[in-house]
Amino acid sequence: MRGYKYYPWITAIFVTALVVSNIVVVKLVRVGPFTLTAALLIFSVSYIFGDVLTEVYGYARARQVIWIGFACNLLAVAAFYTAGRLTPSPDWTLPGFDTPAAAQGAYDAVLGYTPLILFASLVAYLVGEFLNSFVLAKLKLATQGRWLWVRTIGSTLVAQVADTGIFVTLLVIGGLFPREAALAIITGEWLAKVIYEIIATPITYQIVNFLKKAEQEDHYDYDTNFNPLTLS
């Protein structure tokens, strides 16, 4: 692979957004009429930078970053889970939790769902990210590189239906989210992510234009193998 100055930075932002979103996802928030997860803001960053990766560097390099994100997320959750299973120190307390048992309960309340969140997020993540990258790459060929906004918004419209639907459904089955709130959460998350993508479009344009010029790259996936399991 030829060297790129900003490719490692884009990868780092993408992976960080993914890992952090899985920590804050346990909180539900109310935004107007919508019930959303607190992960929405940071997780949407990963989709924007996923668009950037595919648009500038192509599907194959985006595929590598998607798998890097998968591995890093798996490592993070394994660490959270292992730390939660360790015997707490008798001296351990947290602000507002004056005993080790109370502190352990607070830890579990935030990070205790990580095995469930891991499974749900990784399934949804792989389906959503690969679908997003695939649709964007194909739309770039179909539009001959014009109308970037069609590609970024169109790929989000399709991918987020799968991503949000799979993630929320699995968490409802696992008992993290109430069943009666599932449709509201899926609808709200999908609409919010699409709106987020639309609002962020001018920023995406700036980042893409900067990177294409700085990296001297504007990849078209004419001969790309779109098999998501291929790492080459």
C-alpha atoms as a PDB file:
ATOM      1  CA  MET A   1       0.000   0.000   0.000  1.00  0.00           C
ATOM      2  CA  ARG A   2       1.345   3.431  -0.853  1.00  0.00           C
ATOM      3  CA  GLY A   3       1.947   5.715   2.102  1.00  0.00           C
ATOM      4  CA  TYR A   4      -0.688   8.279   3.048  1.00  0.00           C
ATOM      5  CA  LYS A   5      -0.052  11.104   5.474  1.00  0.00           C
ATOM      6  CA  TYR A   6      -3.558  11.360   6.938  1.00  0.00           C
ATOM      7  CA  TYR A   7      -4.798   7.781   6.590  1.00  0.00           C
ATOM      8  CA  PRO A   8      -3.606   6.779  10.125  1.00  0.00           C
ATOM      9  CA  TRP A   9      -5.357   9.821  11.625  1.00  0.00           C
ATOM     10  CA  ILE A  10      -8.650   9.022   9.894  1.00  0.00           C
ATOM     11  CA  THR A  11      -8.329   5.435  11.114  1.00  0.00           C
ATOM     12  CA  ALA A  12      -7.680   6.579  14.693  1.00  0.00           C
ATOM     13  CA  ILE A  13     -10.710   8.908  14.737  1.00  0.00           C
ATOM     14  CA  PHE A  14     -12.921   6.192  13.268  1.00  0.00           C
ATOM     15  CA  VAL A  15     -11.859   3.577  15.829  1.00  0.00           C
ATOM     16  CA  THR A  16     -12.055   5.977  18.787  1.00  0.00           C
ATOM     17  CA  ALA A  17     -15.587   7.021  17.862  1.00  0.00           C
ATOM     18  CA  LEU A  18     -16.620   3.380  17.640  1.00  0.00           C
ATOM     19  CA  VAL A  19     -15.150   2.330  21.017  1.00  0.00           C
ATOM     20  CA  VAL A  20     -16.437   5.367  22.921  1.00  0.00           C
ATOM     21  CA  SER A  21     -19.939   4.973  21.493  1.00  0.00           C
ATOM     22  CA  ASN A  22     -20.190   1.496  22.990  1.00  0.00           C
ATOM     23  CA  ILE A  23     -19.452   2.889  26.459  1.00  0.00           C
ATOM     24  CA  VAL A  24     -22.053   5.659  26.446  1.00  0.00           C
ATOM     25  CA  VAL A  25     -24.749   3.718  24.569  1.00  0.00           C
ATOM     26  CA  VAL A  26     -26.390   2.477  27.798  1.00  0.00           C
ATOM     27  CA  LYS A  27     -27.931   5.908  28.428  1.00  0.00           C
ATOM     28  CA  LEU A  28     -31.161   6.850  26.702  1.00  0.00           C
ATOM     29  CA  VAL A  29     -31.815  10.550  26.111  1.00  0.00           C
ATOM     30  CA  ARG A  30     -34.811  12.549  24.968  1.00  0.00           C
ATOM     31  CA  VAL A  31     -34.371  14.950  22.055  1.00  0.00           C
ATOM     32  CA  GLY A  32     -37.683  16.552  21.136  1.00  0.00           C
ATOM     33  CA  PRO A  33     -40.108  13.735  20.293  1.00  0.00           C
ATOM     34  CA  PHE A  34     -37.334  11.163  19.837  1.00  0.00           C
ATOM     35  CA  THR A  35     -35.839   8.634  22.260  1.00  0.00           C
ATOM     36  CA  LEU A  36     -32.172   8.180  21.370  1.00  0.00           C
ATOM     37  CA  THR A  37     -29.051   6.578  22.785  1.00  0.00           C
ATOM     38  CA  ALA A  38     -26.321   8.878  24.050  1.00  0.00           C
ATOM     39  CA  ALA A  39     -23.973   7.169  21.608  1.00  0.00           C
ATOM     40  CA  LEU A  40     -25.631   8.861  18.644  1.00  0.00           C
ATOM     41  CA  LEU A  41     -23.377  11.916  18.502  1.00  0.00           C
ATOM     42  CA  ILE A  42     -20.040  10.120  18.635  1.00  0.00           C
ATOM     43  CA  PHE A  43     -21.072   7.022  16.683  1.00  0.00           C
ATOM     44  CA  SER A  44     -22.274   9.154  13.778  1.00  0.00           C
ATOM     45  CA  VAL A  45     -18.710  10.474  13.531  1.00  0.00           C
ATOM     46  CA  SER A  46     -17.572   6.947  12.636  1.00  0.00           C
ATOM     47  CA  TYR A  47     -20.076   6.845   9.756  1.00  0.00           C
ATOM     48  CA  ILE A  48     -18.908  10.217   8.444  1.00  0.00           C
ATOM     49  CA  PHE A  49     -15.276   9.117   8.531  1.00  0.00           C
ATOM     50  CA  GLY A  50     -16.295   5.786   7.016  1.00  0.00           C
ATOM     51  CA  ASP A  51     -17.690   7.817   4.112  1.00  0.00           C
ATOM     52  CA  VAL A  52     -14.440   9.745   3.903  1.00  0.00           C
ATOM     53  CA  LEU A  53     -12.357   6.556   3.879  1.00  0.00           C
ATOM     54  CA  THR A  54     -14.326   5.008   1.026  1.00  0.00           C
ATOM     55  CA  GLU A  55     -14.631   8.225  -0.981  1.00  0.00           C
ATOM     56  CA  VAL A  56     -10.940   9.095  -0.849  1.00  0.00           C
ATOM     57  CA  TYR A  57      -9.064   5.821  -0.341  1.00  0.00           C
ATOM     58  CA  GLY A  58     -11.539   3.282  -1.745  1.00  0.00           C
ATOM     59  CA  TYR A  59     -13.518   0.313  -0.471  1.00  0.00           C
ATOM     60  CA  ALA A  60     -10.499  -1.975   0.096  1.00  0.00           C
ATOM     61  CA  ARG A  61      -8.788   0.418   2.506  1.00  0.00           C
ATOM     62  CA  ALA A  62     -12.085   1.215   4.203  1.00  0.00           C
ATOM     63  CA  ARG A  63     -12.562  -2.543   4.646  1.00  0.00           C
ATOM     64  CA  GLN A  64      -9.216  -2.763   6.445  1.00  0.00           C
ATOM     65  CA  VAL A  65     -10.210   0.027   8.822  1.00  0.00           C
ATOM     66  CA  ILE A  66     -13.588  -1.585   9.489  1.00  0.00           C
ATOM     67  CA  TRP A  67     -11.821  -4.767  10.607  1.00  0.00           C
ATOM     68  CA  ILE A  68      -9.320  -2.763  12.665  1.00  0.00           C
ATOM     69  CA  GLY A  69     -12.275  -1.129  14.416  1.00  0.00           C
ATOM     70  CA  PHE A  70     -13.791  -4.550  15.018  1.00  0.00           C
ATOM     71  CA  ALA A  71     -10.591  -5.820  16.662  1.00  0.00           C
ATOM     72  CA  CYS A  72     -10.110  -2.703  18.813  1.00  0.00           C
ATOM     73  CA  ASN A  73     -13.716  -2.794  19.971  1.00  0.00           C
ATOM     74  CA  LEU A  74     -13.368  -6.462  20.882  1.00  0.00           C
ATOM     75  CA  LEU A  75     -10.225  -5.720  22.893  1.00  0.00           C
ATOM     76  CA  ALA A  76     -11.859  -2.816  24.744  1.00  0.00           C
ATOM     77  CA  VAL A  77     -14.927  -4.774  25.749  1.00  0.00           C
ATOM     78  CA  ALA A  78     -12.814  -7.770  26.794  1.00  0.00           C
ATOM     79  CA  ALA A  79     -10.892  -5.429  29.093  1.00  0.00           C
ATOM     80  CA  PHE A  80     -14.100  -3.952  30.575  1.00  0.00           C
ATOM     81  CA  TYR A  81     -15.540  -7.412  31.157  1.00  0.00           C
ATOM     82  CA  THR A  82     -12.356  -8.793  32.743  1.00  0.00           C
ATOM     83  CA  ALA A  83     -11.997  -5.772  35.034  1.00  0.00           C
ATOM     84  CA  GLY A  84     -15.596  -6.227  36.151  1.00  0.00           C
ATOM     85  CA  ARG A  85     -14.979  -9.856  37.120  1.00  0.00           C
ATOM     86  CA  LEU A  86     -11.908  -9.087  39.260  1.00  0.00           C
ATOM     87  CA  THR A  87     -12.423  -9.073  43.048  1.00  0.00           C
ATOM     88  CA  PRO A  88     -12.762  -5.447  44.189  1.00  0.00           C
ATOM     89  CA  SER A  89     -10.372  -4.055  46.797  1.00  0.00           C
ATOM     90  CA  PRO A  90     -11.913  -3.618  50.276  1.00  0.00           C
ATOM     91  CA  ASP A  91     -10.736   0.018  50.108  1.00  0.00           C
ATOM     92  CA  TRP A  92     -12.417   0.767  46.769  1.00  0.00           C
ATOM     93  CA  THR A  93     -15.112   3.427  46.714  1.00  0.00           C
ATOM     94  CA  LEU A  94     -16.501   5.898  44.178  1.00  0.00           C
ATOM     95  CA  PRO A  95     -18.081   9.326  44.746  1.00  0.00           C
ATOM     96  CA  GLY A  96     -21.594   8.588  45.962  1.00  0.00           C
ATOM     97  CA  PHE A  97     -20.856   4.882  46.437  1.00  0.00           C
ATOM     98  CA  ASP A  98     -19.265   4.309  49.825  1.00  0.00           C
ATOM     99  CA  THR A  99     -18.653   0.565  49.798  1.00  0.00           C
ATOM    100  CA  PRO A 100     -16.889  -1.810  47.404  1.00  0.00           C
ATOM    101  CA  ALA A 101     -20.202  -3.545  46.691  1.00  0.00           C
ATOM    102  CA  ALA A 102     -21.872  -0.238  45.824  1.00  0.00           C
ATOM    103  CA  ALA A 103     -18.932   0.800  43.656  1.00  0.00           C
ATOM    104  CA  GLN A 104     -19.040  -2.577  41.899  1.00  0.00           C
ATOM    105  CA  GLY A 105     -22.743  -2.085  41.290  1.00  0.00           C
ATOM    106  CA  ALA A 106     -22.083   1.315  39.725  1.00  0.00           C
ATOM    107  CA  TYR A 107     -19.398  -0.196  37.501  1.00  0.00           C
ATOM    108  CA  ASP A 108     -21.697  -3.022  36.416  1.00  0.00           C
ATOM    109  CA  ALA A 109     -24.582  -0.612  35.799  1.00  0.00           C
ATOM    110  CA  VAL A 110     -22.517   1.217  33.185  1.00  0.00           C
ATOM    111  CA  LEU A 111     -20.216  -1.491  31.848  1.00  0.00           C
ATOM    112  CA  GLY A 112     -21.908  -4.684  33.000  1.00  0.00           C
ATOM    113  CA  TYR A 113     -23.862  -4.938  29.756  1.00  0.00           C
ATOM    114  CA  THR A 114     -20.720  -4.887  27.663  1.00  0.00           C
ATOM    115  CA  PRO A 115     -20.901  -8.562  26.536  1.00  0.00           C
ATOM    116  CA  LEU A 116     -24.448  -7.985  25.273  1.00  0.00           C
ATOM    117  CA  ILE A 117     -23.520  -4.618  23.779  1.00  0.00           C
ATOM    118  CA  LEU A 118     -20.456  -6.204  22.207  1.00  0.00           C
ATOM    119  CA  PHE A 119     -22.472  -8.857  20.409  1.00  0.00           C
ATOM    120  CA  ALA A 120     -25.202  -6.449  19.287  1.00  0.00           C
ATOM    121  CA  SER A 121     -22.836  -3.673  18.275  1.00  0.00           C
ATOM    122  CA  LEU A 122     -20.407  -5.895  16.395  1.00  0.00           C
ATOM    123  CA  VAL A 123     -23.125  -7.595  14.366  1.00  0.00           C
ATOM    124  CA  ALA A 124     -24.799  -4.251  13.598  1.00  0.00           C
ATOM    125  CA  TYR A 125     -21.447  -2.545  13.037  1.00  0.00           C
ATOM    126  CA  LEU A 126     -20.162  -5.067  10.502  1.00  0.00           C
ATOM    127  CA  VAL A 127     -23.415  -5.147   8.550  1.00  0.00           C
ATOM    128  CA  GLY A 128     -23.896  -1.371   8.678  1.00  0.00           C
ATOM    129  CA  GLU A 129     -20.335  -0.301   7.917  1.00  0.00           C
ATOM    130  CA  PHE A 130     -19.802  -2.711   5.046  1.00  0.00           C
ATOM    131  CA  LEU A 131     -23.192  -1.831   3.593  1.00  0.00           C
ATOM    132  CA  ASN A 132     -22.412   1.877   3.938  1.00  0.00           C
ATOM    133  CA  SER A 133     -19.030   1.511   2.238  1.00  0.00           C
ATOM    134  CA  PHE A 134     -20.391  -0.752  -0.504  1.00  0.00           C
ATOM    135  CA  VAL A 135     -23.299   1.545  -1.382  1.00  0.00           C
ATOM    136  CA  LEU A 136     -21.073   4.636  -1.397  1.00  0.00           C
ATOM    137  CA  ALA A 137     -18.457   2.987  -3.613  1.00  0.00           C
ATOM    138  CA  LYS A 138     -21.088   1.796  -6.091  1.00  0.00           C
ATOM    139  CA  LEU A 139     -22.817   5.180  -6.132  1.00  0.00           C
ATOM    140  CA  LYS A 140     -19.476   6.849  -6.852  1.00  0.00           C
ATOM    141  CA  LEU A 141     -19.137   4.718  -9.955  1.00  0.00           C
ATOM    142  CA  ALA A 142     -22.764   5.299 -10.963  1.00  0.00           C
ATOM    143  CA  THR A 143     -22.480   9.092 -10.562  1.00  0.00           C
ATOM    144  CA  GLN A 144     -18.958   9.192 -12.047  1.00  0.00           C
ATOM    145  CA  GLY A 145     -17.691  10.968  -8.945  1.00  0.00           C
ATOM    146  CA  ARG A 146     -20.307  13.738  -8.990  1.00  0.00           C
ATOM    147  CA  TRP A 147     -22.784  14.677  -6.284  1.00  0.00           C
ATOM    148  CA  LEU A 148     -20.907  13.584  -3.187  1.00  0.00           C
ATOM    149  CA  TRP A 149     -23.949  14.451  -1.082  1.00  0.00           C
ATOM    150  CA  VAL A 150     -25.983  11.801  -2.906  1.00  0.00           C
ATOM    151  CA  ARG A 151     -23.415   9.175  -1.957  1.00  0.00           C
ATOM    152  CA  THR A 152     -22.968  10.142   1.686  1.00  0.00           C
ATOM    153  CA  ILE A 153     -26.657  10.605   2.446  1.00  0.00           C
ATOM    154  CA  GLY A 154     -27.805   7.703   0.257  1.00  0.00           C
ATOM    155  CA  SER A 155     -25.384   5.247   1.838  1.00  0.00           C
ATOM    156  CA  THR A 156     -26.442   6.385   5.328  1.00  0.00           C
ATOM    157  CA  LEU A 157     -30.134   5.981   4.493  1.00  0.00           C
ATOM    158  CA  VAL A 158     -29.556   2.353   3.548  1.00  0.00           C
ATOM    159  CA  ALA A 159     -26.890   1.336   6.063  1.00  0.00           C
ATOM    160  CA  GLN A 160     -28.510   2.878   9.125  1.00  0.00           C
ATOM    161  CA  VAL A 161     -31.734   0.944   8.590  1.00  0.00           C
ATOM    162  CA  ALA A 162     -29.720  -2.251   8.993  1.00  0.00           C
ATOM    163  CA  ASP A 163     -27.333  -0.971  11.684  1.00  0.00           C
ATOM    164  CA  THR A 164     -29.915   0.618  13.968  1.00  0.00           C
ATOM    165  CA  GLY A 165     -32.523  -2.080  13.450  1.00  0.00           C
ATOM    166  CA  ILE A 166     -30.131  -4.925  14.260  1.00  0.00           C
ATOM    167  CA  PHE A 167     -28.528  -3.186  17.245  1.00  0.00           C
ATOM    168  CA  VAL A 168     -31.725  -2.089  18.979  1.00  0.00           C
ATOM    169  CA  THR A 169     -33.526  -5.369  18.293  1.00  0.00           C
ATOM    170  CA  LEU A 170     -30.737  -7.419  19.836  1.00  0.00           C
ATOM    171  CA  LEU A 171     -30.587  -5.164  22.907  1.00  0.00           C
ATOM    172  CA  VAL A 172     -34.341  -5.444  23.340  1.00  0.00           C
ATOM    173  CA  ILE A 173     -34.084  -9.242  23.146  1.00  0.00           C
ATOM    174  CA  GLY A 174     -31.254  -9.093  25.697  1.00  0.00           C
ATOM    175  CA  GLY A 175     -33.304  -6.973  28.077  1.00  0.00           C
ATOM    176  CA  LEU A 176     -31.269  -3.768  27.942  1.00  0.00           C
ATOM    177  CA  PHE A 177     -33.986  -1.715  26.248  1.00  0.00           C
ATOM    178  CA  PRO A 178     -37.733  -2.072  26.925  1.00  0.00           C
ATOM    179  CA  ARG A 179     -39.639  -3.858  24.162  1.00  0.00           C
ATOM    180  CA  GLU A 180     -42.289  -1.143  23.958  1.00  0.00           C
ATOM    181  CA  ALA A 181     -39.613   1.450  23.222  1.00  0.00           C
ATOM    182  CA  ALA A 182     -37.940  -0.478  20.396  1.00  0.00           C
ATOM    183  CA  LEU A 183     -39.781   1.060  17.445  1.00  0.00           C
ATOM    184  CA  ALA A 184     -39.422   4.571  18.850  1.00  0.00           C
ATOM    185  CA  ILE A 185     -35.690   4.087  19.420  1.00  0.00           C
ATOM    186  CA  ILE A 186     -35.095   2.603  15.952  1.00  0.00           C
ATOM    187  CA  THR A 187     -37.103   5.327  14.216  1.00  0.00           C
ATOM    188  CA  GLY A 188     -35.583   8.110  16.269  1.00  0.00           C
ATOM    189  CA  GLU A 189     -32.007   6.852  15.885  1.00  0.00           C
ATOM    190  CA  TRP A 190     -32.381   6.333  12.129  1.00  0.00           C
ATOM    191  CA  LEU A 191     -33.914   9.753  11.530  1.00  0.00           C
ATOM    192  CA  ALA A 192     -31.402  11.456  13.811  1.00  0.00           C
ATOM    193  CA  LYS A 193     -28.437   9.792  12.090  1.00  0.00           C
ATOM    194  CA  VAL A 194     -29.731  10.746   8.641  1.00  0.00           C
ATOM    195  CA  ILE A 195     -30.337  14.329   9.764  1.00  0.00           C
ATOM    196  CA  TYR A 196     -26.883  14.349  11.363  1.00  0.00           C
ATOM    197  CA  GLU A 197     -25.377  13.200   8.060  1.00  0.00           C
ATOM    198  CA  ILE A 198     -27.218  15.940   6.161  1.00  0.00           C
ATOM    199  CA  ILE A 199     -26.108  18.637   8.595  1.00  0.00           C
ATOM    200  CA  ALA A 200     -22.532  17.368   8.481  1.00  0.00           C
ATOM    201  CA  THR A 201     -22.416  17.277   4.666  1.00  0.00           C
ATOM    202  CA  PRO A 202     -20.595  20.641   4.299  1.00  0.00           C
ATOM    203  CA  ILE A 203     -17.962  19.419   6.782  1.00  0.00           C
ATOM    204  CA  THR A 204     -17.663  16.125   4.906  1.00  0.00           C
ATOM    205  CA  TYR A 205     -17.107  18.066   1.682  1.00  0.00           C
ATOM    206  CA  GLN A 206     -14.308  20.071   3.300  1.00  0.00           C
ATOM    207  CA  ILE A 207     -12.580  16.982   4.692  1.00  0.00           C
ATOM    208  CA  VAL A 208     -12.897  15.027   1.441  1.00  0.00           C
ATOM    209  CA  ASN A 209     -11.657  17.885  -0.724  1.00  0.00           C
ATOM    210  CA  PHE A 210      -8.724  18.509   1.612  1.00  0.00           C
ATOM    211  CA  LEU A 211      -7.699  14.846   1.691  1.00  0.00           C
ATOM    212  CA  LYS A 212      -8.017  14.328  -2.052  1.00  0.00           C
ATOM    213  CA  LYS A 213      -5.682  17.243  -2.607  1.00  0.00           C
ATOM    214  CA  ALA A 214      -3.270  16.453   0.228  1.00  0.00           C
ATOM    215  CA  GLU A 215      -3.060  12.722  -0.503  1.00  0.00           C
ATOM    216  CA  GLN A 216      -3.337  13.088  -4.294  1.00  0.00           C
ATOM    217  CA  GLU A 217      -5.887  10.305  -4.227  1.00  0.00           C
ATOM    218  CA  ASP A 218      -9.467   9.940  -5.452  1.00  0.00           C
ATOM    219  CA  HIS A 219     -10.085   6.222  -5.679  1.00  0.00           C
ATOM    220  CA  TYR A 220     -12.682   4.587  -7.931  1.00  0.00           C
ATOM    221  CA  ASP A 221     -13.539   0.944  -7.184  1.00  0.00           C
ATOM    222  CA  TYR A 222     -13.743  -0.324 -10.770  1.00  0.00           C
ATOM    223  CA  ASP A 223     -11.877  -3.592 -10.180  1.00  0.00           C
ATOM    224  CA  THR A 224     -12.344  -3.952  -6.427  1.00  0.00           C
ATOM    225  CA  ASN A 225     -13.183  -7.257  -4.775  1.00  0.00           C
ATOM    226  CA  PHE A 226     -16.114  -6.324  -2.508  1.00  0.00           C
ATOM    227  CA  ASN A 227     -15.910  -9.466  -0.404  1.00  0.00           C
ATOM    228  CA  PRO A 228     -15.929  -8.113   3.190  1.00  0.00           C
ATOM    229  CA  LEU A 229     -13.837 -11.079   4.432  1.00  0.00           C
ATOM    230  CA  THR A 230     -10.885 -10.251   2.186  1.00  0.00           C
ATOM    231  CA  LEU A 231      -8.231  -8.146   3.946  1.00  0.00           C
ATOM    232  CA  SER A 232      -5.859  -7.644   1.020  1.00  0.00           C
END
